[in-house]
Every structure is written in structure tokens, then in C-alpha cells.
């Protein structure tokens, strides 16, 4: 999820050296603007919190059902980001005036 967000931020020439900064930029640039639903922000923050807990807490045990849920959310998150990025690439590669009009 983290690297998917870095790819999103690169489309806006944004970056930060802090993990928390990446989350904040995602929220500011993509959630508050309505590009992605707030649910994805919640998933990203939860995954980050779980990672911090696993990295910095001794003998942590995360219930298997919570791990499965987080994995499913991560797969959905990355899929939605891929779709967004693919759409950006497709839109950028279409010559002007060739898009469909409704």
C-alpha cells in the first residue's frame, strides 16, 4: 500500500522522507479531493499502525482474521490505485480531440 501511495504522489511530483508524511499527503491530495474514498485512508492508516506495532512491540500477536482482513483491504487498495494510474496513463497517451464525447 505504501509504495502504491508513493506512485500516486509521484504523479503530482510530491514526496516526503517520513512515512507519516506519505499518509498525510495521500489524505490531502487524494482523499479530501474525492479521488479516493475515505475508506481507503482508514485502511492505509490501519495497515501502517499494524506495521508499527509489529515492528516496535515485542512478542506481538495479531489475530489471523485481522491479518486476512488487512491483506484483502491491501489487495483492493492496490488494485484501485493501479486502475487510477492506468487511467492517467491512458488519458495522457490519447491525442487531443480523440476522446469520446457524451
C-alpha atoms as a PDB file:
ATOM      1  CA  UNK A   1       0.000   0.000   0.000  1.00  0.00           C
ATOM      2  CA  UNK A   2       2.820   2.352   0.916  1.00  0.00           C
ATOM      3  CA  UNK A   3       4.550   2.007  -2.443  1.00  0.00           C
ATOM      4  CA  UNK A   4       1.250   2.395  -4.265  1.00  0.00           C
ATOM      5  CA  UNK A   5       0.796   5.717  -2.484  1.00  0.00           C
ATOM      6  CA  UNK A   6       4.343   6.734  -3.420  1.00  0.00           C
ATOM      7  CA  UNK A   7       3.429   6.096  -7.059  1.00  0.00           C
ATOM      8  CA  UNK A   8       0.347   8.287  -6.666  1.00  0.00           C
ATOM      9  CA  UNK A   9       2.378  11.073  -5.081  1.00  0.00           C
ATOM     10  CA  UNK A  10       4.893  10.888  -7.923  1.00  0.00           C
ATOM     11  CA  UNK A  11       2.112  11.828 -10.358  1.00  0.00           C
ATOM     12  CA  UNK A  12       1.935  15.162  -8.527  1.00  0.00           C
ATOM     13  CA  UNK A  13       5.704  15.490  -8.022  1.00  0.00           C
ATOM     14  CA  UNK A  14       5.197  15.125  -4.273  1.00  0.00           C
ATOM     15  CA  UNK A  15       7.266  13.212  -1.788  1.00  0.00           C
ATOM     16  CA  UNK A  16       8.441  13.152   1.787  1.00  0.00           C
ATOM     17  CA  UNK A  17      11.094  11.374   3.785  1.00  0.00           C
ATOM     18  CA  UNK A  18       8.657  10.374   6.547  1.00  0.00           C
ATOM     19  CA  UNK A  19       6.109   7.557   6.437  1.00  0.00           C
ATOM     20  CA  UNK A  20       3.565   9.697   8.283  1.00  0.00           C
ATOM     21  CA  UNK A  21       4.094  12.397   5.677  1.00  0.00           C
ATOM     22  CA  UNK A  22       3.160   9.952   2.929  1.00  0.00           C
ATOM     23  CA  UNK A  23      -0.108   9.168   4.708  1.00  0.00           C
ATOM     24  CA  UNK A  24      -0.847  12.859   5.215  1.00  0.00           C
ATOM     25  CA  UNK A  25      -0.143  13.711   1.578  1.00  0.00           C
ATOM     26  CA  UNK A  26      -2.362  10.838   0.416  1.00  0.00           C
ATOM     27  CA  UNK A  27      -5.197  12.152   2.557  1.00  0.00           C
ATOM     28  CA  UNK A  28      -4.707  15.738   1.424  1.00  0.00           C
ATOM     29  CA  UNK A  29      -4.190  15.120  -2.291  1.00  0.00           C
ATOM     30  CA  UNK A  30      -6.380  12.106  -2.983  1.00  0.00           C
ATOM     31  CA  UNK A  31      -8.951  11.633  -0.221  1.00  0.00           C
ATOM     32  CA  UNK A  32     -10.004  15.178   0.621  1.00  0.00           C
ATOM     33  CA  UNK A  33     -10.238  15.947  -3.101  1.00  0.00           C
ATOM     34  CA  UNK A  34     -12.567  12.983  -3.650  1.00  0.00           C
ATOM     35  CA  UNK A  35     -10.266  10.942  -5.885  1.00  0.00           C
ATOM     36  CA  UNK A  36     -10.397   8.060  -3.391  1.00  0.00           C
ATOM     37  CA  UNK A  37     -12.954   7.247  -0.712  1.00  0.00           C
ATOM     38  CA  UNK A  38     -12.168   7.863   2.960  1.00  0.00           C
ATOM     39  CA  UNK A  39     -12.367   4.115   3.488  1.00  0.00           C
ATOM     40  CA  UNK A  40      -9.047   3.725   1.693  1.00  0.00           C
ATOM     41  CA  UNK A  41      -7.483   6.252   4.042  1.00  0.00           C
ATOM     42  CA  UNK A  42      -8.742   4.267   7.022  1.00  0.00           C
ATOM     43  CA  UNK A  43      -7.316   1.054   5.550  1.00  0.00           C
ATOM     44  CA  UNK A  44      -3.951   2.709   4.913  1.00  0.00           C
ATOM     45  CA  UNK A  45      -3.745   4.141   8.419  1.00  0.00           C
ATOM     46  CA  UNK A  46      -4.750   0.803   9.970  1.00  0.00           C
ATOM     47  CA  UNK A  47      -2.113  -1.069   7.967  1.00  0.00           C
ATOM     48  CA  UNK A  48       0.508   1.485   8.975  1.00  0.00           C
ATOM     49  CA  UNK A  49      -0.464   1.188  12.647  1.00  0.00           C
ATOM     50  CA  UNK A  50      -0.277  -2.611  12.428  1.00  0.00           C
ATOM     51  CA  UNK A  51       3.165  -2.346  10.855  1.00  0.00           C
ATOM     52  CA  UNK A  52       4.375  -0.049  13.631  1.00  0.00           C
ATOM     53  CA  UNK A  53       3.024  -2.412  16.249  1.00  0.00           C
ATOM     54  CA  UNK A  54       4.688  -5.411  14.619  1.00  0.00           C
ATOM     55  CA  UNK A  55       7.990  -3.595  14.168  1.00  0.00           C
ATOM     56  CA  UNK A  56       8.304  -1.965  17.569  1.00  0.00           C
ATOM     57  CA  UNK A  57       6.423  -4.147  20.039  1.00  0.00           C
ATOM     58  CA  UNK A  58       7.935  -7.286  21.452  1.00  0.00           C
ATOM     59  CA  UNK A  59       6.076 -10.554  21.078  1.00  0.00           C
ATOM     60  CA  UNK A  60       3.083  -9.083  19.307  1.00  0.00           C
ATOM     61  CA  UNK A  61       0.398 -11.431  18.068  1.00  0.00           C
ATOM     62  CA  UNK A  62      -2.108 -10.227  15.501  1.00  0.00           C
ATOM     63  CA  UNK A  63      -5.214 -12.402  15.173  1.00  0.00           C
ATOM     64  CA  UNK A  64      -5.360 -14.366  11.931  1.00  0.00           C
ATOM     65  CA  UNK A  65      -8.755 -12.932  10.961  1.00  0.00           C
ATOM     66  CA  UNK A  66      -7.356  -9.400  11.321  1.00  0.00           C
ATOM     67  CA  UNK A  67      -4.393 -10.288   9.128  1.00  0.00           C
ATOM     68  CA  UNK A  68      -6.684 -11.755   6.458  1.00  0.00           C
ATOM     69  CA  UNK A  69      -8.902  -8.671   6.553  1.00  0.00           C
ATOM     70  CA  UNK A  70      -5.906  -6.350   6.224  1.00  0.00           C
ATOM     71  CA  UNK A  71      -4.495  -8.384   3.333  1.00  0.00           C
ATOM     72  CA  UNK A  72      -7.818  -8.252   1.485  1.00  0.00           C
ATOM     73  CA  UNK A  73      -8.002  -4.488   2.045  1.00  0.00           C
ATOM     74  CA  UNK A  74      -4.427  -4.078   0.805  1.00  0.00           C
ATOM     75  CA  UNK A  75      -5.191  -6.042  -2.361  1.00  0.00           C
ATOM     76  CA  UNK A  76      -8.263  -3.896  -3.028  1.00  0.00           C
ATOM     77  CA  UNK A  77      -6.332  -0.711  -2.251  1.00  0.00           C
ATOM     78  CA  UNK A  78      -3.502  -1.551  -4.652  1.00  0.00           C
ATOM     79  CA  UNK A  79      -5.979  -2.613  -7.348  1.00  0.00           C
ATOM     80  CA  UNK A  80      -7.823   0.713  -7.112  1.00  0.00           C
ATOM     81  CA  UNK A  81      -4.563   2.655  -7.265  1.00  0.00           C
ATOM     82  CA  UNK A  82      -3.459   0.623 -10.318  1.00  0.00           C
ATOM     83  CA  UNK A  83      -6.736   1.401 -12.048  1.00  0.00           C
ATOM     84  CA  UNK A  84      -6.350   5.108 -11.290  1.00  0.00           C
ATOM     85  CA  UNK A  85      -2.756   5.149 -12.569  1.00  0.00           C
ATOM     86  CA  UNK A  86      -3.678   3.183 -15.697  1.00  0.00           C
ATOM     87  CA  UNK A  87      -6.441   5.684 -16.405  1.00  0.00           C
ATOM     88  CA  UNK A  88      -3.962   8.542 -16.004  1.00  0.00           C
ATOM     89  CA  UNK A  89      -1.600   6.875 -18.468  1.00  0.00           C
ATOM     90  CA  UNK A  90      -4.399   6.188 -20.932  1.00  0.00           C
ATOM     91  CA  UNK A  91      -5.667   9.768 -20.735  1.00  0.00           C
ATOM     92  CA  UNK A  92      -2.150  11.126 -21.157  1.00  0.00           C
ATOM     93  CA  UNK A  93      -1.464   8.973 -24.225  1.00  0.00           C
ATOM     94  CA  UNK A  94      -4.646   9.914 -26.103  1.00  0.00           C
ATOM     95  CA  UNK A  95      -4.109  12.706 -28.617  1.00  0.00           C
ATOM     96  CA  UNK A  96      -6.296  15.732 -28.005  1.00  0.00           C
ATOM     97  CA  UNK A  97      -9.660  15.593 -29.696  1.00  0.00           C
ATOM     98  CA  UNK A  98      -9.784  11.805 -29.924  1.00  0.00           C
ATOM     99  CA  UNK A  99     -11.613  11.226 -26.659  1.00  0.00           C
ATOM    100  CA  UNK A 100     -15.261  10.332 -26.772  1.00  0.00           C
ATOM    101  CA  UNK A 101     -17.835  12.950 -26.046  1.00  0.00           C
ATOM    102  CA  UNK A 102     -21.093  12.229 -24.318  1.00  0.00           C
END
